[in-house]
ModelCIF file with pLDDT and N, C-alpha, C, O atoms, coordinates in Angstrom:
data_MODEL
#
_entry.id   MODEL 
#
_entity.id                         1 
_entity.type                       polymer 
_entity.pdbx_number_of_molecules   1 
#
_entity_poly.entity_id                      1 
_entity_poly.type                           'polypeptide(L)' 
_entity_poly.nstd_linkage                   no 
_entity_poly.nstd_monomer                   no 
_entity_poly.pdbx_seq_one_letter_code       WNGIFTDYADSAKGRFTIARNSGSTTVFLQMNSLE 
_entity_poly.pdbx_seq_one_letter_code_can   WNGIFTDYADSAKGRFTIARNSGSTTVFLQMNSLE 
_entity_poly.pdbx_strand_id                 A 
#
loop_
_entity_poly_seq.entity_id 
_entity_poly_seq.num 
_entity_poly_seq.mon_id 
_entity_poly_seq.hetero 
1 1  TRP n 
1 2  ASN n 
1 3  GLY n 
1 4  ILE n 
1 5  PHE n 
1 6  THR n 
1 7  ASP n 
1 8  TYR n 
1 9  ALA n 
1 10 ASP n 
1 11 SER n 
1 12 ALA n 
1 13 LYS n 
1 14 GLY n 
1 15 ARG n 
1 16 PHE n 
1 17 THR n 
1 18 ILE n 
1 19 ALA n 
1 20 ARG n 
1 21 ASN n 
1 22 SER n 
1 23 GLY n 
1 24 SER n 
1 25 THR n 
1 26 THR n 
1 27 VAL n 
1 28 PHE n 
1 29 LEU n 
1 30 GLN n 
1 31 MET n 
1 32 ASN n 
1 33 SER n 
1 34 LEU n 
1 35 GLU n 
#
_struct_asym.id          A 
_struct_asym.entity_id   1 
#
loop_
_ma_qa_metric.id 
_ma_qa_metric.mode 
_ma_qa_metric.name 
_ma_qa_metric.software_group_id 
_ma_qa_metric.type 
1 global pLDDT . pLDDT 
2 local  pLDDT . pLDDT 
#
_ma_qa_metric_global.metric_id      1 
_ma_qa_metric_global.metric_value   95.91 
_ma_qa_metric_global.model_id       1 
_ma_qa_metric_global.ordinal_id     1 
#
loop_
_ma_qa_metric_local.label_asym_id 
_ma_qa_metric_local.label_comp_id 
_ma_qa_metric_local.label_seq_id 
_ma_qa_metric_local.metric_id 
_ma_qa_metric_local.metric_value 
_ma_qa_metric_local.model_id 
_ma_qa_metric_local.ordinal_id 
A TRP 1  2 95.00 1 1  
A ASN 2  2 95.00 1 2  
A GLY 3  2 96.00 1 3  
A ILE 4  2 96.00 1 4  
A PHE 5  2 97.00 1 5  
A THR 6  2 98.00 1 6  
A ASP 7  2 98.00 1 7  
A TYR 8  2 98.00 1 8  
A ALA 9  2 98.00 1 9  
A ASP 10 2 98.00 1 10 
A SER 11 2 97.00 1 11 
A ALA 12 2 98.00 1 12 
A LYS 13 2 98.00 1 13 
A GLY 14 2 97.00 1 14 
A ARG 15 2 98.00 1 15 
A PHE 16 2 98.00 1 16 
A THR 17 2 98.00 1 17 
A ILE 18 2 98.00 1 18 
A ALA 19 2 98.00 1 19 
A ARG 20 2 95.00 1 20 
A ASN 21 2 87.00 1 21 
A SER 22 2 85.00 1 22 
A GLY 23 2 85.00 1 23 
A SER 24 2 89.00 1 24 
A THR 25 2 91.00 1 25 
A THR 26 2 95.00 1 26 
A VAL 27 2 97.00 1 27 
A PHE 28 2 98.00 1 28 
A LEU 29 2 98.00 1 29 
A GLN 30 2 98.00 1 30 
A MET 31 2 98.00 1 31 
A ASN 32 2 98.00 1 32 
A SER 33 2 98.00 1 33 
A LEU 34 2 98.00 1 34 
A GLU 35 2 98.00 1 35 
#
loop_
_atom_site.group_PDB 
_atom_site.id 
_atom_site.type_symbol 
_atom_site.label_atom_id 
_atom_site.label_alt_id 
_atom_site.label_comp_id 
_atom_site.label_asym_id 
_atom_site.label_entity_id 
_atom_site.label_seq_id 
_atom_site.pdbx_PDB_ins_code 
_atom_site.Cartn_x 
_atom_site.Cartn_y 
_atom_site.Cartn_z 
_atom_site.occupancy 
_atom_site.B_iso_or_equiv 
_atom_site.pdbx_formal_charge 
_atom_site.auth_seq_id 
_atom_site.auth_comp_id 
_atom_site.auth_asym_id 
_atom_site.auth_atom_id 
_atom_site.pdbx_PDB_model_num 
ATOM 1   N N  . TRP A 1 1  ? 97.380  128.640 109.784 1.00 95.00 ? 1  TRP A N  1 
ATOM 2   C CA . TRP A 1 1  ? 96.090  128.989 108.877 1.00 95.00 ? 1  TRP A CA 1 
ATOM 3   C C  . TRP A 1 1  ? 96.627  128.645 107.579 1.00 95.00 ? 1  TRP A C  1 
ATOM 4   O O  . TRP A 1 1  ? 96.001  127.824 106.909 1.00 95.00 ? 1  TRP A O  1 
ATOM 5   N N  . ASN A 1 2  ? 97.737  129.172 107.106 1.00 95.00 ? 2  ASN A N  1 
ATOM 6   C CA . ASN A 1 2  ? 98.338  129.097 105.754 1.00 95.00 ? 2  ASN A CA 1 
ATOM 7   C C  . ASN A 1 2  ? 98.977  127.568 105.376 1.00 95.00 ? 2  ASN A C  1 
ATOM 8   O O  . ASN A 1 2  ? 99.536  127.327 104.307 1.00 95.00 ? 2  ASN A O  1 
ATOM 9   N N  . GLY A 1 3  ? 98.800  126.687 106.360 1.00 96.00 ? 3  GLY A N  1 
ATOM 10  C CA . GLY A 1 3  ? 99.260  125.399 106.229 1.00 96.00 ? 3  GLY A CA 1 
ATOM 11  C C  . GLY A 1 3  ? 100.776 125.175 106.097 1.00 96.00 ? 3  GLY A C  1 
ATOM 12  O O  . GLY A 1 3  ? 101.215 124.046 105.874 1.00 96.00 ? 3  GLY A O  1 
ATOM 13  N N  . ILE A 1 4  ? 101.591 126.262 106.237 1.00 96.00 ? 4  ILE A N  1 
ATOM 14  C CA . ILE A 1 4  ? 102.936 126.288 105.942 1.00 96.00 ? 4  ILE A CA 1 
ATOM 15  C C  . ILE A 1 4  ? 103.712 125.812 107.261 1.00 96.00 ? 4  ILE A C  1 
ATOM 16  O O  . ILE A 1 4  ? 104.711 125.110 107.102 1.00 96.00 ? 4  ILE A O  1 
ATOM 17  N N  . PHE A 1 5  ? 103.272 126.187 108.655 1.00 97.00 ? 5  PHE A N  1 
ATOM 18  C CA . PHE A 1 5  ? 104.215 126.012 109.729 1.00 97.00 ? 5  PHE A CA 1 
ATOM 19  C C  . PHE A 1 5  ? 103.322 125.019 110.484 1.00 97.00 ? 5  PHE A C  1 
ATOM 20  O O  . PHE A 1 5  ? 102.105 125.089 110.659 1.00 97.00 ? 5  PHE A O  1 
ATOM 21  N N  . THR A 1 6  ? 104.279 123.980 110.936 1.00 98.00 ? 6  THR A N  1 
ATOM 22  C CA . THR A 1 6  ? 103.617 122.779 111.957 1.00 98.00 ? 6  THR A CA 1 
ATOM 23  C C  . THR A 1 6  ? 104.598 122.577 113.092 1.00 98.00 ? 6  THR A C  1 
ATOM 24  O O  . THR A 1 6  ? 105.715 123.077 113.223 1.00 98.00 ? 6  THR A O  1 
ATOM 25  N N  . ASP A 1 7  ? 104.038 121.853 113.778 1.00 98.00 ? 7  ASP A N  1 
ATOM 26  C CA . ASP A 1 7  ? 104.921 121.459 114.999 1.00 98.00 ? 7  ASP A CA 1 
ATOM 27  C C  . ASP A 1 7  ? 104.386 120.307 115.346 1.00 98.00 ? 7  ASP A C  1 
ATOM 28  O O  . ASP A 1 7  ? 103.213 120.063 115.060 1.00 98.00 ? 7  ASP A O  1 
ATOM 29  N N  . TYR A 1 8  ? 105.194 119.396 116.038 1.00 98.00 ? 8  TYR A N  1 
ATOM 30  C CA . TYR A 1 8  ? 104.925 118.088 116.428 1.00 98.00 ? 8  TYR A CA 1 
ATOM 31  C C  . TYR A 1 8  ? 105.451 117.739 117.969 1.00 98.00 ? 8  TYR A C  1 
ATOM 32  O O  . TYR A 1 8  ? 106.423 118.260 118.516 1.00 98.00 ? 8  TYR A O  1 
ATOM 33  N N  . ALA A 1 9  ? 104.652 116.825 118.480 1.00 98.00 ? 9  ALA A N  1 
ATOM 34  C CA . ALA A 1 9  ? 105.293 116.280 119.721 1.00 98.00 ? 9  ALA A CA 1 
ATOM 35  C C  . ALA A 1 9  ? 106.411 115.310 119.332 1.00 98.00 ? 9  ALA A C  1 
ATOM 36  O O  . ALA A 1 9  ? 106.403 114.756 118.232 1.00 98.00 ? 9  ALA A O  1 
ATOM 37  N N  . ASP A 1 10 ? 107.219 115.140 120.096 1.00 98.00 ? 10 ASP A N  1 
ATOM 38  C CA . ASP A 1 10 ? 108.555 114.099 119.989 1.00 98.00 ? 10 ASP A CA 1 
ATOM 39  C C  . ASP A 1 10 ? 107.916 112.738 119.391 1.00 98.00 ? 10 ASP A C  1 
ATOM 40  O O  . ASP A 1 10 ? 108.301 112.119 118.399 1.00 98.00 ? 10 ASP A O  1 
ATOM 41  N N  . SER A 1 11 ? 106.888 112.449 120.216 1.00 97.00 ? 11 SER A N  1 
ATOM 42  C CA . SER A 1 11 ? 106.253 111.081 119.812 1.00 97.00 ? 11 SER A CA 1 
ATOM 43  C C  . SER A 1 11 ? 105.803 111.000 118.510 1.00 97.00 ? 11 SER A C  1 
ATOM 44  O O  . SER A 1 11 ? 105.803 109.910 117.937 1.00 97.00 ? 11 SER A O  1 
ATOM 45  N N  . ALA A 1 12 ? 105.405 112.045 117.944 1.00 98.00 ? 12 ALA A N  1 
ATOM 46  C CA . ALA A 1 12 ? 104.766 112.086 116.592 1.00 98.00 ? 12 ALA A CA 1 
ATOM 47  C C  . ALA A 1 12 ? 105.622 112.487 115.509 1.00 98.00 ? 12 ALA A C  1 
ATOM 48  O O  . ALA A 1 12 ? 105.181 112.543 114.361 1.00 98.00 ? 12 ALA A O  1 
ATOM 49  N N  . LYS A 1 13 ? 106.659 112.733 115.755 1.00 98.00 ? 13 LYS A N  1 
ATOM 50  C CA . LYS A 1 13 ? 107.798 113.156 114.615 1.00 98.00 ? 13 LYS A CA 1 
ATOM 51  C C  . LYS A 1 13 ? 108.313 112.082 113.974 1.00 98.00 ? 13 LYS A C  1 
ATOM 52  O O  . LYS A 1 13 ? 108.748 111.078 114.539 1.00 98.00 ? 13 LYS A O  1 
ATOM 53  N N  . GLY A 1 14 ? 108.270 112.285 112.698 1.00 97.00 ? 14 GLY A N  1 
ATOM 54  C CA . GLY A 1 14 ? 108.647 111.052 111.803 1.00 97.00 ? 14 GLY A CA 1 
ATOM 55  C C  . GLY A 1 14 ? 107.452 110.010 111.311 1.00 97.00 ? 14 GLY A C  1 
ATOM 56  O O  . GLY A 1 14 ? 107.529 109.242 110.352 1.00 97.00 ? 14 GLY A O  1 
ATOM 57  N N  . ARG A 1 15 ? 106.372 110.172 112.180 1.00 98.00 ? 15 ARG A N  1 
ATOM 58  C CA . ARG A 1 15 ? 105.179 109.176 111.880 1.00 98.00 ? 15 ARG A CA 1 
ATOM 59  C C  . ARG A 1 15 ? 103.980 109.815 111.440 1.00 98.00 ? 15 ARG A C  1 
ATOM 60  O O  . ARG A 1 15 ? 103.285 109.353 110.535 1.00 98.00 ? 15 ARG A O  1 
ATOM 61  N N  . PHE A 1 16 ? 103.707 110.927 112.094 1.00 98.00 ? 16 PHE A N  1 
ATOM 62  C CA . PHE A 1 16 ? 102.425 111.588 111.943 1.00 98.00 ? 16 PHE A CA 1 
ATOM 63  C C  . PHE A 1 16 ? 102.709 112.806 111.097 1.00 98.00 ? 16 PHE A C  1 
ATOM 64  O O  . PHE A 1 16 ? 103.748 113.456 111.219 1.00 98.00 ? 16 PHE A O  1 
ATOM 65  N N  . THR A 1 17 ? 101.802 113.080 110.279 1.00 98.00 ? 17 THR A N  1 
ATOM 66  C CA . THR A 1 17 ? 101.777 114.351 109.370 1.00 98.00 ? 17 THR A CA 1 
ATOM 67  C C  . THR A 1 17 ? 100.322 115.058 109.739 1.00 98.00 ? 17 THR A C  1 
ATOM 68  O O  . THR A 1 17 ? 99.259  114.442 109.823 1.00 98.00 ? 17 THR A O  1 
ATOM 69  N N  . ILE A 1 18 ? 100.498 116.460 109.937 1.00 98.00 ? 18 ILE A N  1 
ATOM 70  C CA . ILE A 1 18 ? 99.448  117.266 109.922 1.00 98.00 ? 18 ILE A CA 1 
ATOM 71  C C  . ILE A 1 18 ? 99.179  118.157 108.671 1.00 98.00 ? 18 ILE A C  1 
ATOM 72  O O  . ILE A 1 18 ? 100.050 118.915 108.243 1.00 98.00 ? 18 ILE A O  1 
ATOM 73  N N  . ALA A 1 19 ? 98.092  118.058 108.164 1.00 98.00 ? 19 ALA A N  1 
ATOM 74  C CA . ALA A 1 19 ? 97.959  119.177 106.817 1.00 98.00 ? 19 ALA A CA 1 
ATOM 75  C C  . ALA A 1 19 ? 96.548  119.844 106.668 1.00 98.00 ? 19 ALA A C  1 
ATOM 76  O O  . ALA A 1 19 ? 95.547  119.350 107.187 1.00 98.00 ? 19 ALA A O  1 
ATOM 77  N N  . ARG A 1 20 ? 96.530  120.812 106.046 1.00 95.00 ? 20 ARG A N  1 
ATOM 78  C CA . ARG A 1 20 ? 95.547  121.520 105.667 1.00 95.00 ? 20 ARG A CA 1 
ATOM 79  C C  . ARG A 1 20 ? 95.684  122.262 104.548 1.00 95.00 ? 20 ARG A C  1 
ATOM 80  O O  . ARG A 1 20 ? 96.778  122.825 104.486 1.00 95.00 ? 20 ARG A O  1 
ATOM 81  N N  . ASN A 1 21 ? 94.926  122.466 103.605 1.00 87.00 ? 21 ASN A N  1 
ATOM 82  C CA . ASN A 1 21 ? 94.981  123.533 102.501 1.00 87.00 ? 21 ASN A CA 1 
ATOM 83  C C  . ASN A 1 21 ? 94.938  124.936 103.107 1.00 87.00 ? 21 ASN A C  1 
ATOM 84  O O  . ASN A 1 21 ? 94.265  125.153 104.116 1.00 87.00 ? 21 ASN A O  1 
ATOM 85  N N  . SER A 1 22 ? 95.588  125.807 102.552 1.00 85.00 ? 22 SER A N  1 
ATOM 86  C CA . SER A 1 22 ? 95.712  127.147 103.059 1.00 85.00 ? 22 SER A CA 1 
ATOM 87  C C  . SER A 1 22 ? 94.249  127.627 102.952 1.00 85.00 ? 22 SER A C  1 
ATOM 88  O O  . SER A 1 22 ? 93.540  127.541 101.949 1.00 85.00 ? 22 SER A O  1 
ATOM 89  N N  . GLY A 1 23 ? 93.875  128.208 104.294 1.00 85.00 ? 23 GLY A N  1 
ATOM 90  C CA . GLY A 1 23 ? 92.560  128.789 104.609 1.00 85.00 ? 23 GLY A CA 1 
ATOM 91  C C  . GLY A 1 23 ? 91.436  127.812 104.578 1.00 85.00 ? 23 GLY A C  1 
ATOM 92  O O  . GLY A 1 23 ? 90.280  128.224 104.479 1.00 85.00 ? 23 GLY A O  1 
ATOM 93  N N  . SER A 1 24 ? 91.733  126.417 104.663 1.00 89.00 ? 24 SER A N  1 
ATOM 94  C CA . SER A 1 24 ? 90.933  125.374 104.807 1.00 89.00 ? 24 SER A CA 1 
ATOM 95  C C  . SER A 1 24 ? 90.372  125.234 106.050 1.00 89.00 ? 24 SER A C  1 
ATOM 96  O O  . SER A 1 24 ? 91.085  125.435 107.033 1.00 89.00 ? 24 SER A O  1 
ATOM 97  N N  . THR A 1 25 ? 89.160  124.908 106.190 1.00 91.00 ? 25 THR A N  1 
ATOM 98  C CA . THR A 1 25 ? 88.562  124.690 107.650 1.00 91.00 ? 25 THR A CA 1 
ATOM 99  C C  . THR A 1 25 ? 88.663  123.097 108.056 1.00 91.00 ? 25 THR A C  1 
ATOM 100 O O  . THR A 1 25 ? 88.188  122.668 109.108 1.00 91.00 ? 25 THR A O  1 
ATOM 101 N N  . THR A 1 26 ? 89.255  122.383 107.215 1.00 95.00 ? 26 THR A N  1 
ATOM 102 C CA . THR A 1 26 ? 89.535  120.956 107.522 1.00 95.00 ? 26 THR A CA 1 
ATOM 103 C C  . THR A 1 26 ? 90.983  120.472 107.615 1.00 95.00 ? 26 THR A C  1 
ATOM 104 O O  . THR A 1 26 ? 91.767  120.470 106.666 1.00 95.00 ? 26 THR A O  1 
ATOM 105 N N  . VAL A 1 27 ? 91.233  120.093 108.763 1.00 97.00 ? 27 VAL A N  1 
ATOM 106 C CA . VAL A 1 27 ? 92.564  119.448 109.105 1.00 97.00 ? 27 VAL A CA 1 
ATOM 107 C C  . VAL A 1 27 ? 92.744  117.979 109.085 1.00 97.00 ? 27 VAL A C  1 
ATOM 108 O O  . VAL A 1 27 ? 91.845  117.233 109.471 1.00 97.00 ? 27 VAL A O  1 
ATOM 109 N N  . PHE A 1 28 ? 93.843  117.555 108.661 1.00 98.00 ? 28 PHE A N  1 
ATOM 110 C CA . PHE A 1 28 ? 94.047  116.044 108.680 1.00 98.00 ? 28 PHE A CA 1 
ATOM 111 C C  . PHE A 1 28 ? 95.000  115.701 109.580 1.00 98.00 ? 28 PHE A C  1 
ATOM 112 O O  . PHE A 1 28 ? 95.704  116.631 109.975 1.00 98.00 ? 28 PHE A O  1 
ATOM 113 N N  . LEU A 1 29 ? 95.234  114.517 110.052 1.00 98.00 ? 29 LEU A N  1 
ATOM 114 C CA . LEU A 1 29 ? 96.234  113.769 110.779 1.00 98.00 ? 29 LEU A CA 1 
ATOM 115 C C  . LEU A 1 29 ? 96.502  112.557 110.209 1.00 98.00 ? 29 LEU A C  1 
ATOM 116 O O  . LEU A 1 29 ? 95.770  111.599 110.454 1.00 98.00 ? 29 LEU A O  1 
ATOM 117 N N  . GLN A 1 30 ? 97.622  112.440 109.347 1.00 98.00 ? 30 GLN A N  1 
ATOM 118 C CA . GLN A 1 30 ? 98.059  110.915 108.784 1.00 98.00 ? 30 GLN A CA 1 
ATOM 119 C C  . GLN A 1 30 ? 98.906  110.357 109.979 1.00 98.00 ? 30 GLN A C  1 
ATOM 120 O O  . GLN A 1 30 ? 99.910  110.886 110.455 1.00 98.00 ? 30 GLN A O  1 
ATOM 121 N N  . MET A 1 31 ? 98.369  109.302 110.335 1.00 98.00 ? 31 MET A N  1 
ATOM 122 C CA . MET A 1 31 ? 99.341  108.541 111.382 1.00 98.00 ? 31 MET A CA 1 
ATOM 123 C C  . MET A 1 31 ? 99.596  107.338 110.750 1.00 98.00 ? 31 MET A C  1 
ATOM 124 O O  . MET A 1 31 ? 98.751  106.569 110.291 1.00 98.00 ? 31 MET A O  1 
ATOM 125 N N  . ASN A 1 32 ? 101.081 107.177 110.748 1.00 98.00 ? 32 ASN A N  1 
ATOM 126 C CA . ASN A 1 32 ? 101.697 105.919 110.218 1.00 98.00 ? 32 ASN A CA 1 
ATOM 127 C C  . ASN A 1 32 ? 102.439 105.294 111.289 1.00 98.00 ? 32 ASN A C  1 
ATOM 128 O O  . ASN A 1 32 ? 102.671 105.873 112.350 1.00 98.00 ? 32 ASN A O  1 
ATOM 129 N N  . SER A 1 33 ? 102.888 103.887 110.969 1.00 98.00 ? 33 SER A N  1 
ATOM 130 C CA . SER A 1 33 ? 103.693 103.143 111.891 1.00 98.00 ? 33 SER A CA 1 
ATOM 131 C C  . SER A 1 33 ? 103.223 103.162 113.446 1.00 98.00 ? 33 SER A C  1 
ATOM 132 O O  . SER A 1 33 ? 103.975 103.321 114.407 1.00 98.00 ? 33 SER A O  1 
ATOM 133 N N  . LEU A 1 34 ? 101.896 102.977 113.484 1.00 98.00 ? 34 LEU A N  1 
ATOM 134 C CA . LEU A 1 34 ? 101.025 103.323 114.966 1.00 98.00 ? 34 LEU A CA 1 
ATOM 135 C C  . LEU A 1 34 ? 101.485 102.149 115.794 1.00 98.00 ? 34 LEU A C  1 
ATOM 136 O O  . LEU A 1 34 ? 101.653 101.002 115.378 1.00 98.00 ? 34 LEU A O  1 
ATOM 137 N N  . GLU A 1 35 ? 101.651 102.560 116.934 1.00 98.00 ? 35 GLU A N  1 
ATOM 138 C CA . GLU A 1 35 ? 102.049 101.688 118.204 1.00 98.00 ? 35 GLU A CA 1 
ATOM 139 C C  . GLU A 1 35 ? 100.892 101.468 119.182 1.00 98.00 ? 35 GLU A C  1 
ATOM 140 O O  . GLU A 1 35 ? 101.067 100.810 120.207 1.00 98.00 ? 35 GLU A O  1 
#
């Protein structure tokens, strides 16, 4: 909820980034180097 803690699947680490502003109801997933 506070946007501070995240966890990723091994397949996503280093390529994907999950983000949200603290308390925001919108979450983003930035996906780079897609395969």
